[in-house]
Amino acid sequence: MPLYDFKCPECGRAFEALLKLADPDPQCPDCGARTQKQISAPAISIASDKATSRIEKRVKNYLKDGKFGEATRFADKAASMIKSDRVKRIADKLHQKTGL
């Protein structure tokens, strides 16, 4: 799913949202008004061993600090952005171990 930038013309809040291509633009989380899609820089995903190693290191740091929820959310987001079997296995293993 692509990540889009939105801005509310009423209250000025800017935020990001993961949406399917067919999904309508979301309402503002603050005031509920219609939002406008913003032009943003394209995301380039490069599944490399170096990127995967950095993801593993960050997940391990979260776990070392006892932040199991943050580790799981980060691994899930990384798996959705980097199409790598190794990253997917990290996320799946975290779900099995933490039950989140």
C-alpha atoms as a PDB file:
ATOM      1  CA  MET A   1       0.000   0.000   0.000  1.00  0.00           C
ATOM      2  CA  PRO A   2       1.322   3.441  -0.841  1.00  0.00           C
ATOM      3  CA  LEU A   3       1.951   6.045   1.835  1.00  0.00           C
ATOM      4  CA  TYR A   4       0.329   9.396   1.035  1.00  0.00           C
ATOM      5  CA  ASP A   5       0.691  12.859   2.573  1.00  0.00           C
ATOM      6  CA  PHE A   6      -2.487  14.789   3.360  1.00  0.00           C
ATOM      7  CA  LYS A   7      -3.267  18.276   4.634  1.00  0.00           C
ATOM      8  CA  CYS A   8      -6.490  19.624   6.092  1.00  0.00           C
ATOM      9  CA  PRO A   9      -7.526  22.964   4.553  1.00  0.00           C
ATOM     10  CA  GLU A  10      -9.657  23.766   7.622  1.00  0.00           C
ATOM     11  CA  CYS A  11      -7.269  23.298  10.559  1.00  0.00           C
ATOM     12  CA  GLY A  12      -3.948  22.928   8.700  1.00  0.00           C
ATOM     13  CA  ARG A  13      -3.063  19.507  10.123  1.00  0.00           C
ATOM     14  CA  ALA A  14      -0.633  17.515   7.965  1.00  0.00           C
ATOM     15  CA  PHE A  15      -0.452  13.733   8.288  1.00  0.00           C
ATOM     16  CA  GLU A  16       0.414  10.535   6.435  1.00  0.00           C
ATOM     17  CA  ALA A  17      -1.865   7.602   5.662  1.00  0.00           C
ATOM     18  CA  LEU A  18      -1.343   4.150   4.169  1.00  0.00           C
ATOM     19  CA  LEU A  19      -4.094   3.644   1.613  1.00  0.00           C
ATOM     20  CA  LYS A  20      -4.982   1.276  -1.166  1.00  0.00           C
ATOM     21  CA  LEU A  21      -5.223   2.920  -4.568  1.00  0.00           C
ATOM     22  CA  ALA A  22      -9.041   2.595  -4.554  1.00  0.00           C
ATOM     23  CA  ASP A  23      -9.494   4.039  -1.028  1.00  0.00           C
ATOM     24  CA  PRO A  24     -11.044   7.515  -0.704  1.00  0.00           C
ATOM     25  CA  ASP A  25      -9.023  10.321   0.860  1.00  0.00           C
ATOM     26  CA  PRO A  26      -9.306  10.193   4.662  1.00  0.00           C
ATOM     27  CA  GLN A  27     -10.982  12.783   6.834  1.00  0.00           C
ATOM     28  CA  CYS A  28      -8.900  14.985   9.107  1.00  0.00           C
ATOM     29  CA  PRO A  29      -8.266  13.178  12.414  1.00  0.00           C
ATOM     30  CA  ASP A  30      -8.592  16.495  14.305  1.00  0.00           C
ATOM     31  CA  CYS A  31     -11.625  18.255  12.821  1.00  0.00           C
ATOM     32  CA  GLY A  32     -13.161  15.666  10.466  1.00  0.00           C
ATOM     33  CA  ALA A  33     -12.970  17.899   7.373  1.00  0.00           C
ATOM     34  CA  ARG A  34     -12.106  16.648   3.886  1.00  0.00           C
ATOM     35  CA  THR A  35      -8.383  16.536   3.293  1.00  0.00           C
ATOM     36  CA  GLN A  36      -6.242  17.283   0.278  1.00  0.00           C
ATOM     37  CA  LYS A  37      -3.573  14.928  -1.029  1.00  0.00           C
ATOM     38  CA  GLN A  38      -0.162  16.601  -1.090  1.00  0.00           C
ATOM     39  CA  ILE A  39       2.682  16.131  -3.518  1.00  0.00           C
ATOM     40  CA  SER A  40       5.477  14.224  -1.814  1.00  0.00           C
ATOM     41  CA  ALA A  41       8.842  12.773  -2.703  1.00  0.00           C
ATOM     42  CA  PRO A  42       8.694   9.266  -4.160  1.00  0.00           C
ATOM     43  CA  ALA A  43       9.764   6.424  -1.905  1.00  0.00           C
ATOM     44  CA  ILE A  44      12.385   4.111  -3.262  1.00  0.00           C
ATOM     45  CA  SER A  45      12.578   0.677  -1.734  1.00  0.00           C
ATOM     46  CA  ILE A  46      15.837  -1.182  -2.092  1.00  0.00           C
ATOM     47  CA  ALA A  47      15.884  -4.569  -0.422  1.00  0.00           C
ATOM     48  CA  SER A  48      19.522  -4.974   0.440  1.00  0.00           C
ATOM     49  CA  ASP A  49      21.419  -6.901   3.042  1.00  0.00           C
ATOM     50  CA  LYS A  50      22.588  -3.610   4.545  1.00  0.00           C
ATOM     51  CA  ALA A  51      19.005  -2.347   5.000  1.00  0.00           C
ATOM     52  CA  THR A  52      17.899  -5.680   6.439  1.00  0.00           C
ATOM     53  CA  SER A  53      20.806  -5.662   8.886  1.00  0.00           C
ATOM     54  CA  ARG A  54      19.825  -2.168  10.080  1.00  0.00           C
ATOM     55  CA  ILE A  55      16.230  -3.334  10.553  1.00  0.00           C
ATOM     56  CA  GLU A  56      17.399  -6.351  12.567  1.00  0.00           C
ATOM     57  CA  LYS A  57      19.601  -4.148  14.733  1.00  0.00           C
ATOM     58  CA  ARG A  58      16.778  -1.702  15.448  1.00  0.00           C
ATOM     59  CA  VAL A  59      14.355  -4.526  16.316  1.00  0.00           C
ATOM     60  CA  LYS A  60      16.952  -6.016  18.681  1.00  0.00           C
ATOM     61  CA  ASN A  61      17.417  -2.618  20.361  1.00  0.00           C
ATOM     62  CA  TYR A  62      13.658  -2.318  20.904  1.00  0.00           C
ATOM     63  CA  LEU A  63      13.557  -5.821  22.388  1.00  0.00           C
ATOM     64  CA  LYS A  64      16.589  -5.155  24.594  1.00  0.00           C
ATOM     65  CA  ASP A  65      14.777  -2.097  25.983  1.00  0.00           C
ATOM     66  CA  GLY A  66      11.629  -4.181  26.610  1.00  0.00           C
ATOM     67  CA  LYS A  67       9.624  -2.339  23.928  1.00  0.00           C
ATOM     68  CA  PHE A  68       7.919  -5.364  22.395  1.00  0.00           C
ATOM     69  CA  GLY A  69       5.010  -3.443  20.858  1.00  0.00           C
ATOM     70  CA  GLU A  70       7.319  -0.930  19.210  1.00  0.00           C
ATOM     71  CA  ALA A  71       9.526  -3.738  17.870  1.00  0.00           C
ATOM     72  CA  THR A  72       6.516  -5.496  16.358  1.00  0.00           C
ATOM     73  CA  ARG A  73       5.075  -2.311  14.802  1.00  0.00           C
ATOM     74  CA  PHE A  74       8.471  -1.354  13.363  1.00  0.00           C
ATOM     75  CA  ALA A  75       9.036  -4.841  11.921  1.00  0.00           C
ATOM     76  CA  ASP A  76       5.561  -4.854  10.358  1.00  0.00           C
ATOM     77  CA  LYS A  77       6.106  -1.461   8.758  1.00  0.00           C
ATOM     78  CA  ALA A  78       9.567  -2.493   7.515  1.00  0.00           C
ATOM     79  CA  ALA A  79       8.124  -5.716   6.042  1.00  0.00           C
ATOM     80  CA  SER A  80       5.473  -3.720   4.174  1.00  0.00           C
ATOM     81  CA  MET A  81       8.077  -1.353   2.729  1.00  0.00           C
ATOM     82  CA  ILE A  82      10.979  -3.699   2.012  1.00  0.00           C
ATOM     83  CA  LYS A  83      10.071  -6.796   0.074  1.00  0.00           C
ATOM     84  CA  SER A  84      12.521  -9.184   1.644  1.00  0.00           C
ATOM     85  CA  ASP A  85      11.862 -12.698   2.929  1.00  0.00           C
ATOM     86  CA  ARG A  86      14.284 -12.086   5.785  1.00  0.00           C
ATOM     87  CA  VAL A  87      12.432  -8.973   6.973  1.00  0.00           C
ATOM     88  CA  LYS A  88       9.097 -10.807   6.675  1.00  0.00           C
ATOM     89  CA  ARG A  89      10.476 -13.674   8.790  1.00  0.00           C
ATOM     90  CA  ILE A  90      11.612 -11.179  11.452  1.00  0.00           C
ATOM     91  CA  ALA A  91       8.100  -9.709  11.661  1.00  0.00           C
ATOM     92  CA  ASP A  92       6.449 -13.153  11.725  1.00  0.00           C
ATOM     93  CA  LYS A  93       8.804 -14.396  14.451  1.00  0.00           C
ATOM     94  CA  LEU A  94       8.056 -11.343  16.588  1.00  0.00           C
ATOM     95  CA  HIS A  95       4.314 -11.974  16.286  1.00  0.00           C
ATOM     96  CA  GLN A  96       4.800 -15.607  17.338  1.00  0.00           C
ATOM     97  CA  LYS A  97       6.998 -14.747  20.324  1.00  0.00           C
ATOM     98  CA  THR A  98       5.141 -11.679  21.606  1.00  0.00           C
ATOM     99  CA  GLY A  99       1.586 -12.669  20.728  1.00  0.00           C
ATOM    100  CA  LEU A 100       0.963  -9.151  19.375  1.00  0.00           C
END
